[in-house]
C-alpha atoms as a PDB file:
ATOM      1  CA  MET A   1       1.469 -29.466 -16.779  1.00  0.00           C
ATOM      2  CA  MET A   2       2.848 -33.053 -16.399  1.00  0.00           C
ATOM      3  CA  TYR A   3      -0.536 -34.863 -16.884  1.00  0.00           C
ATOM      4  CA  ASP A   4      -0.855 -33.690 -20.510  1.00  0.00           C
ATOM      5  CA  ASP A   5       2.382 -34.068 -21.176  1.00  0.00           C
ATOM      6  CA  PHE A   6       1.565 -37.906 -21.489  1.00  0.00           C
ATOM      7  CA  TYR A   7      -0.831 -36.767 -24.412  1.00  0.00           C
ATOM      8  CA  LYS A   8       1.954 -35.431 -26.596  1.00  0.00           C
ATOM      9  CA  THR A   9       3.796 -38.757 -26.684  1.00  0.00           C
ATOM     10  CA  ASP A  10       3.236 -41.344 -29.387  1.00  0.00           C
ATOM     11  CA  PHE A  11       1.850 -43.549 -27.045  1.00  0.00           C
ATOM     12  CA  GLY A  12      -0.355 -40.955 -25.156  1.00  0.00           C
ATOM     13  CA  LYS A  13      -1.943 -39.922 -28.528  1.00  0.00           C
ATOM     14  CA  PHE A  14      -2.532 -43.464 -29.277  1.00  0.00           C
ATOM     15  CA  ALA A  15      -4.054 -43.666 -26.132  1.00  0.00           C
ATOM     16  CA  LEU A  16      -6.631 -40.852 -26.210  1.00  0.00           C
ATOM     17  CA  LYS A  17      -7.796 -42.047 -29.306  1.00  0.00           C
ATOM     18  CA  LYS A  18      -8.408 -45.719 -28.578  1.00  0.00           C
ATOM     19  CA  GLU A  19      -9.957 -45.000 -25.147  1.00  0.00           C
ATOM     20  CA  ALA A  20     -12.347 -42.094 -26.779  1.00  0.00           C
ATOM     21  CA  GLU A  21     -13.321 -44.675 -29.437  1.00  0.00           C
ATOM     22  CA  TYR A  22     -14.107 -47.212 -26.711  1.00  0.00           C
ATOM     23  CA  ILE A  23     -16.069 -45.014 -25.005  1.00  0.00           C
ATOM     24  CA  ILE A  24     -18.175 -43.828 -27.783  1.00  0.00           C
ATOM     25  CA  LYS A  25     -18.742 -46.944 -28.963  1.00  0.00           C
ATOM     26  CA  GLU A  26     -20.161 -48.223 -25.708  1.00  0.00           C
ATOM     27  CA  MET A  27     -22.092 -45.056 -24.254  1.00  0.00           C
ATOM     28  CA  LYS A  28     -24.886 -42.579 -24.967  1.00  0.00           C
ATOM     29  CA  GLY A  29     -26.428 -39.592 -23.772  1.00  0.00           C
ATOM     30  CA  THR A  30     -25.132 -37.762 -20.535  1.00  0.00           C
ATOM     31  CA  VAL A  31     -22.007 -39.304 -18.797  1.00  0.00           C
ATOM     32  CA  LEU A  32     -20.487 -38.808 -15.852  1.00  0.00           C
ATOM     33  CA  SER A  33     -16.775 -38.758 -15.625  1.00  0.00           C
ATOM     34  CA  ILE A  34     -15.431 -39.285 -12.219  1.00  0.00           C
ATOM     35  CA  GLY A  35     -11.874 -38.024 -11.876  1.00  0.00           C
ATOM     36  CA  CYS A  36     -11.876 -36.636 -14.880  1.00  0.00           C
ATOM     37  CA  GLY A  37      -8.150 -34.874 -14.315  1.00  0.00           C
ATOM     38  CA  THR A  38      -7.680 -32.082 -17.061  1.00  0.00           C
ATOM     39  CA  GLY A  39     -10.594 -33.260 -19.236  1.00  0.00           C
ATOM     40  CA  MET A  40      -8.371 -34.408 -22.005  1.00  0.00           C
ATOM     41  CA  ILE A  41     -10.405 -37.617 -23.017  1.00  0.00           C
ATOM     42  CA  GLU A  42     -13.297 -36.161 -21.908  1.00  0.00           C
ATOM     43  CA  ARG A  43     -13.063 -33.338 -24.369  1.00  0.00           C
ATOM     44  CA  GLU A  44     -11.911 -35.974 -27.332  1.00  0.00           C
ATOM     45  CA  ILE A  45     -15.250 -37.758 -26.560  1.00  0.00           C
ATOM     46  CA  GLU A  46     -17.299 -35.097 -26.679  1.00  0.00           C
ATOM     47  CA  LYS A  47     -15.784 -33.869 -30.114  1.00  0.00           C
ATOM     48  CA  ARG A  48     -16.072 -37.147 -31.801  1.00  0.00           C
ATOM     49  CA  GLY A  49     -19.155 -38.548 -30.501  1.00  0.00           C
ATOM     50  CA  GLU A  50     -23.075 -37.644 -29.472  1.00  0.00           C
ATOM     51  CA  ILE A  51     -22.379 -37.861 -25.759  1.00  0.00           C
ATOM     52  CA  LYS A  52     -22.346 -35.305 -23.037  1.00  0.00           C
ATOM     53  CA  ILE A  53     -19.720 -35.294 -20.347  1.00  0.00           C
ATOM     54  CA  ILE A  54     -19.898 -33.665 -16.975  1.00  0.00           C
ATOM     55  CA  GLY A  55     -16.697 -34.091 -15.343  1.00  0.00           C
ATOM     56  CA  LEU A  56     -15.670 -34.448 -11.562  1.00  0.00           C
ATOM     57  CA  GLU A  57     -12.617 -33.646 -10.430  1.00  0.00           C
ATOM     58  CA  LYS A  58     -11.256 -33.532  -6.544  1.00  0.00           C
ATOM     59  CA  ASP A  59      -8.125 -31.619  -7.353  1.00  0.00           C
ATOM     60  CA  ASP A  60      -7.907 -27.733  -7.754  1.00  0.00           C
ATOM     61  CA  GLU A  61      -5.537 -27.464 -10.346  1.00  0.00           C
ATOM     62  CA  MET A  62      -6.796 -30.141 -12.829  1.00  0.00           C
ATOM     63  CA  LEU A  63     -10.215 -28.570 -12.380  1.00  0.00           C
ATOM     64  CA  LYS A  64      -9.027 -25.350 -13.351  1.00  0.00           C
ATOM     65  CA  ILE A  65      -7.771 -26.710 -16.825  1.00  0.00           C
ATOM     66  CA  ALA A  66     -10.689 -29.205 -17.322  1.00  0.00           C
ATOM     67  CA  ARG A  67     -13.086 -26.534 -17.101  1.00  0.00           C
ATOM     68  CA  LYS A  68     -11.723 -25.039 -19.884  1.00  0.00           C
ATOM     69  CA  ARG A  69     -12.325 -27.836 -21.974  1.00  0.00           C
ATOM     70  CA  ILE A  70     -15.658 -29.250 -20.839  1.00  0.00           C
ATOM     71  CA  THR A  71     -18.153 -29.088 -18.019  1.00  0.00           C
ATOM     72  CA  ALA A  72     -16.959 -29.998 -15.003  1.00  0.00           C
ATOM     73  CA  ILE A  73     -17.149 -29.527 -11.291  1.00  0.00           C
ATOM     74  CA  LYS A  74     -15.336 -29.988  -7.674  1.00  0.00           C
ATOM     75  CA  GLY A  75     -16.496 -32.918  -6.280  1.00  0.00           C
ATOM     76  CA  ASP A  76     -15.487 -36.196  -4.199  1.00  0.00           C
ATOM     77  CA  ALA A  77     -16.401 -39.656  -5.933  1.00  0.00           C
ATOM     78  CA  ALA A  78     -17.479 -40.941  -2.558  1.00  0.00           C
ATOM     79  CA  TRP A  79     -20.172 -38.296  -2.181  1.00  0.00           C
ATOM     80  CA  LEU A  80     -21.583 -37.317  -5.659  1.00  0.00           C
ATOM     81  CA  PRO A  81     -23.328 -34.158  -5.722  1.00  0.00           C
ATOM     82  CA  PHE A  82     -25.893 -34.952  -7.951  1.00  0.00           C
ATOM     83  CA  ALA A  83     -29.654 -36.563  -8.003  1.00  0.00           C
ATOM     84  CA  ASN A  84     -30.450 -40.285  -7.910  1.00  0.00           C
ATOM     85  CA  GLU A  85     -30.689 -41.896 -11.571  1.00  0.00           C
ATOM     86  CA  LYS A  86     -29.521 -38.739 -13.196  1.00  0.00           C
ATOM     87  CA  PHE A  87     -26.822 -39.929 -15.886  1.00  0.00           C
ATOM     88  CA  ASP A  88     -27.195 -42.506 -18.635  1.00  0.00           C
ATOM     89  CA  GLY A  89     -23.394 -43.436 -17.986  1.00  0.00           C
ATOM     90  CA  VAL A  90     -20.721 -43.306 -15.635  1.00  0.00           C
ATOM     91  CA  ILE A  91     -17.100 -43.645 -16.423  1.00  0.00           C
ATOM     92  CA  PHE A  92     -13.376 -43.749 -14.433  1.00  0.00           C
ATOM     93  CA  ILE A  93     -10.589 -43.550 -16.746  1.00  0.00           C
ATOM     94  CA  THR A  94      -7.735 -44.788 -14.735  1.00  0.00           C
ATOM     95  CA  SER A  95      -9.180 -42.658 -11.733  1.00  0.00           C
ATOM     96  CA  LEU A  96     -10.763 -45.509  -9.558  1.00  0.00           C
ATOM     97  CA  GLU A  97      -7.705 -47.182  -8.643  1.00  0.00           C
ATOM     98  CA  PHE A  98      -6.561 -43.732  -7.365  1.00  0.00           C
ATOM     99  CA  ILE A  99      -9.822 -43.090  -5.290  1.00  0.00           C
ATOM    100  CA  ASP A 100      -9.436 -43.756  -1.354  1.00  0.00           C
ATOM    101  CA  ASP A 101     -12.847 -45.446  -0.817  1.00  0.00           C
ATOM    102  CA  TYR A 102     -13.691 -46.971  -4.176  1.00  0.00           C
ATOM    103  CA  LYS A 103     -16.305 -49.149  -2.873  1.00  0.00           C
ATOM    104  CA  LYS A 104     -18.309 -45.807  -1.976  1.00  0.00           C
ATOM    105  CA  ALA A 105     -17.417 -44.858  -5.227  1.00  0.00           C
ATOM    106  CA  ILE A 106     -18.915 -47.457  -6.988  1.00  0.00           C
ATOM    107  CA  GLU A 107     -22.036 -47.403  -5.014  1.00  0.00           C
ATOM    108  CA  GLU A 108     -22.202 -43.926  -5.580  1.00  0.00           C
ATOM    109  CA  ALA A 109     -22.019 -44.345  -9.327  1.00  0.00           C
ATOM    110  CA  TYR A 110     -24.920 -46.869  -8.933  1.00  0.00           C
ATOM    111  CA  ARG A 111     -27.209 -44.604  -7.262  1.00  0.00           C
ATOM    112  CA  VAL A 112     -26.712 -41.609 -10.082  1.00  0.00           C
ATOM    113  CA  LEU A 113     -27.308 -43.982 -12.821  1.00  0.00           C
ATOM    114  CA  LYS A 114     -30.522 -44.353 -14.433  1.00  0.00           C
ATOM    115  CA  LYS A 115     -32.406 -47.742 -14.577  1.00  0.00           C
ATOM    116  CA  ASN A 116     -30.193 -50.021 -17.197  1.00  0.00           C
ATOM    117  CA  GLY A 117     -27.272 -47.161 -16.624  1.00  0.00           C
ATOM    118  CA  LYS A 118     -24.095 -48.048 -18.230  1.00  0.00           C
ATOM    119  CA  LEU A 119     -20.530 -48.079 -16.244  1.00  0.00           C
ATOM    120  CA  ILE A 120     -16.891 -48.443 -17.516  1.00  0.00           C
ATOM    121  CA  ALA A 121     -13.849 -48.397 -15.486  1.00  0.00           C
ATOM    122  CA  MET A 122     -10.796 -48.206 -17.109  1.00  0.00           C
ATOM    123  CA  LEU A 123      -8.323 -49.440 -14.753  1.00  0.00           C
ATOM    124  CA  LEU A 124      -4.587 -49.629 -15.115  1.00  0.00           C
ATOM    125  CA  ASN A 125      -3.653 -53.166 -15.667  1.00  0.00           C
ATOM    126  CA  THR A 126      -1.518 -54.067 -12.454  1.00  0.00           C
ATOM    127  CA  HIS A 127       0.320 -57.030 -14.060  1.00  0.00           C
ATOM    128  CA  SER A 128       1.254 -55.255 -16.987  1.00  0.00           C
ATOM    129  CA  LYS A 129       4.877 -54.382 -18.480  1.00  0.00           C
ATOM    130  CA  TYR A 130       3.518 -50.811 -18.547  1.00  0.00           C
ATOM    131  CA  PHE A 131       2.334 -50.672 -15.051  1.00  0.00           C
ATOM    132  CA  LYS A 132       5.422 -52.334 -13.481  1.00  0.00           C
ATOM    133  CA  GLU A 133       7.763 -49.949 -15.556  1.00  0.00           C
ATOM    134  CA  LYS A 134       5.893 -46.893 -14.521  1.00  0.00           C
ATOM    135  CA  LYS A 135       5.598 -47.420 -10.727  1.00  0.00           C
ATOM    136  CA  GLY A 136       9.063 -48.555 -10.294  1.00  0.00           C
ATOM    137  CA  LYS A 137      10.019 -45.143 -11.625  1.00  0.00           C
ATOM    138  CA  GLY A 138       8.751 -43.374  -8.409  1.00  0.00           C
ATOM    139  CA  GLY A 139       6.354 -41.012 -10.614  1.00  0.00           C
ATOM    140  CA  TYR A 140       2.713 -40.352 -10.084  1.00  0.00           C
ATOM    141  CA  ILE A 141       1.393 -43.823 -10.044  1.00  0.00           C
ATOM    142  CA  SER A 142       3.810 -45.005  -7.458  1.00  0.00           C
ATOM    143  CA  LYS A 143       2.851 -42.095  -5.214  1.00  0.00           C
ATOM    144  CA  ASN A 144      -0.799 -41.959  -5.814  1.00  0.00           C
ATOM    145  CA  ILE A 145      -2.411 -45.445  -6.417  1.00  0.00           C
ATOM    146  CA  LYS A 146      -4.327 -46.856  -3.799  1.00  0.00           C
ATOM    147  CA  HIS A 147      -5.521 -49.954  -4.799  1.00  0.00           C
ATOM    148  CA  GLU A 148      -3.934 -52.574  -6.896  1.00  0.00           C
ATOM    149  CA  ARG A 149      -5.901 -55.573  -6.612  1.00  0.00           C
ATOM    150  CA  ILE A 150      -8.307 -54.684  -9.436  1.00  0.00           C
ATOM    151  CA  LYS A 151     -10.204 -58.029  -9.160  1.00  0.00           C
ATOM    152  CA  ASP A 152     -11.306 -56.566  -5.671  1.00  0.00           C
ATOM    153  CA  ILE A 153     -12.703 -53.520  -7.403  1.00  0.00           C
ATOM    154  CA  GLU A 154     -14.200 -55.728  -9.982  1.00  0.00           C
ATOM    155  CA  LYS A 155     -15.852 -57.859  -7.136  1.00  0.00           C
ATOM    156  CA  GLU A 156     -17.352 -54.625  -5.646  1.00  0.00           C
ATOM    157  CA  ALA A 157     -18.777 -53.520  -8.784  1.00  0.00           C
ATOM    158  CA  LYS A 158     -20.640 -57.016  -9.121  1.00  0.00           C
ATOM    159  CA  LYS A 159     -22.407 -56.428  -6.334  1.00  0.00           C
ATOM    160  CA  TYR A 160     -24.103 -53.657  -8.330  1.00  0.00           C
ATOM    161  CA  PHE A 161     -23.616 -54.314 -12.206  1.00  0.00           C
ATOM    162  CA  GLU A 162     -23.822 -57.139 -14.882  1.00  0.00           C
ATOM    163  CA  LEU A 163     -20.340 -57.091 -15.768  1.00  0.00           C
ATOM    164  CA  SER A 164     -17.894 -58.310 -18.503  1.00  0.00           C
ATOM    165  CA  HIS A 165     -14.300 -57.247 -18.774  1.00  0.00           C
ATOM    166  CA  GLU A 166     -11.571 -57.192 -20.771  1.00  0.00           C
ATOM    167  CA  PHE A 167      -7.810 -56.061 -21.129  1.00  0.00           C
ATOM    168  CA  PHE A 168      -7.337 -53.280 -23.373  1.00  0.00           C
ATOM    169  CA  LEU A 169      -4.740 -50.950 -25.113  1.00  0.00           C
ATOM    170  CA  CYS A 170      -1.592 -52.536 -26.192  1.00  0.00           C
ATOM    171  CA  MET A 171       1.768 -50.881 -25.109  1.00  0.00           C
ATOM    172  CA  ASN A 172       2.932 -51.563 -28.680  1.00  0.00           C
ATOM    173  CA  MET A 173       0.077 -49.603 -30.585  1.00  0.00           C
ATOM    174  CA  LYS A 174      -1.134 -52.814 -32.370  1.00  0.00           C
ATOM    175  CA  ASN A 175      -4.699 -54.267 -32.191  1.00  0.00           C
ATOM    176  CA  ASP A 176      -2.620 -57.770 -30.941  1.00  0.00           C
ATOM    177  CA  CYS A 177      -0.488 -58.394 -28.042  1.00  0.00           C
ATOM    178  CA  ASN A 178      -0.933 -60.647 -24.759  1.00  0.00           C
ATOM    179  CA  LYS A 179      -2.642 -59.448 -21.621  1.00  0.00           C
ATOM    180  CA  ASP A 180       0.761 -58.420 -19.741  1.00  0.00           C
ATOM    181  CA  GLU A 181       1.200 -55.977 -22.875  1.00  0.00           C
ATOM    182  CA  LYS A 182      -2.381 -54.448 -22.387  1.00  0.00           C
ATOM    183  CA  THR A 183      -2.137 -51.860 -20.347  1.00  0.00           C
ATOM    184  CA  LEU A 184      -5.510 -51.447 -19.093  1.00  0.00           C
ATOM    185  CA  TYR A 185      -8.401 -53.766 -17.756  1.00  0.00           C
ATOM    186  CA  VAL A 186     -11.765 -52.482 -18.531  1.00  0.00           C
ATOM    187  CA  ILE A 187     -14.596 -53.116 -16.736  1.00  0.00           C
ATOM    188  CA  ASN A 188     -18.127 -52.787 -18.431  1.00  0.00           C
ATOM    189  CA  GLY A 189     -21.472 -53.092 -16.478  1.00  0.00           C
ATOM    190  CA  ARG A 190     -25.010 -52.372 -16.997  1.00  0.00           C
ATOM    191  CA  LYS A 191     -26.895 -51.240 -13.840  1.00  0.00           C
ATOM    192  CA  ARG A 192     -28.979 -53.686 -12.267  1.00  0.00           C
END
C-alpha cells in the first residue's frame, strides 16, 4: 500500500521515530488517534511508550490494516462514537487538514477529552518546501487536502484549548533547520 511505503524511505523512518517520540513525551494514558490511517505511527507509540492508543479511521482499506496493528474502529471525526470525557489525550497526526469539517472534529475532540486532557495536532506545514513539492506532484496531498490554512485550524482550536505551537521535523533529518524546512506545524493544547 502506498501509504505505508512512505515509512520504508529514509525520511519516512526518521519521521516515524521522531513523531512517536514527540507523542510519547507529551502524552500519557489512553489516547484517541483520529484519522489513524494504517496505524503505523500508533503501533510505534504503543511499542515505545506507556500509552494505550485507540485508532479511529473512516477508510475501510486503511482500517483493515490498522486493526492488525492497534485497536481501531471505524468512525467519523465529526461524530465520535465515544462518551464525554473518555480519553486522556487526542492526537491528529497529519489528519486534521484532510477532514471535511475540522471545526466539528476539534469540538468533538474537546468533548471526548477528560478534564485537563491533551490535544496534539501535527499538521503539514503548508509553507514548507516539502509540502509544496508533494502537492505539486499531484499525489495524495493535492487530491485529498481540505484545509491549507493551518492558522485557521489553530484559531478554531484556541476556542477550546490553551495552546502552544511549533514547527517540527526537519527535511534534512537533523535537529536544526529553518521553519520552511520543517515539515510539520504542531499544535499542542490542554483542555480548558
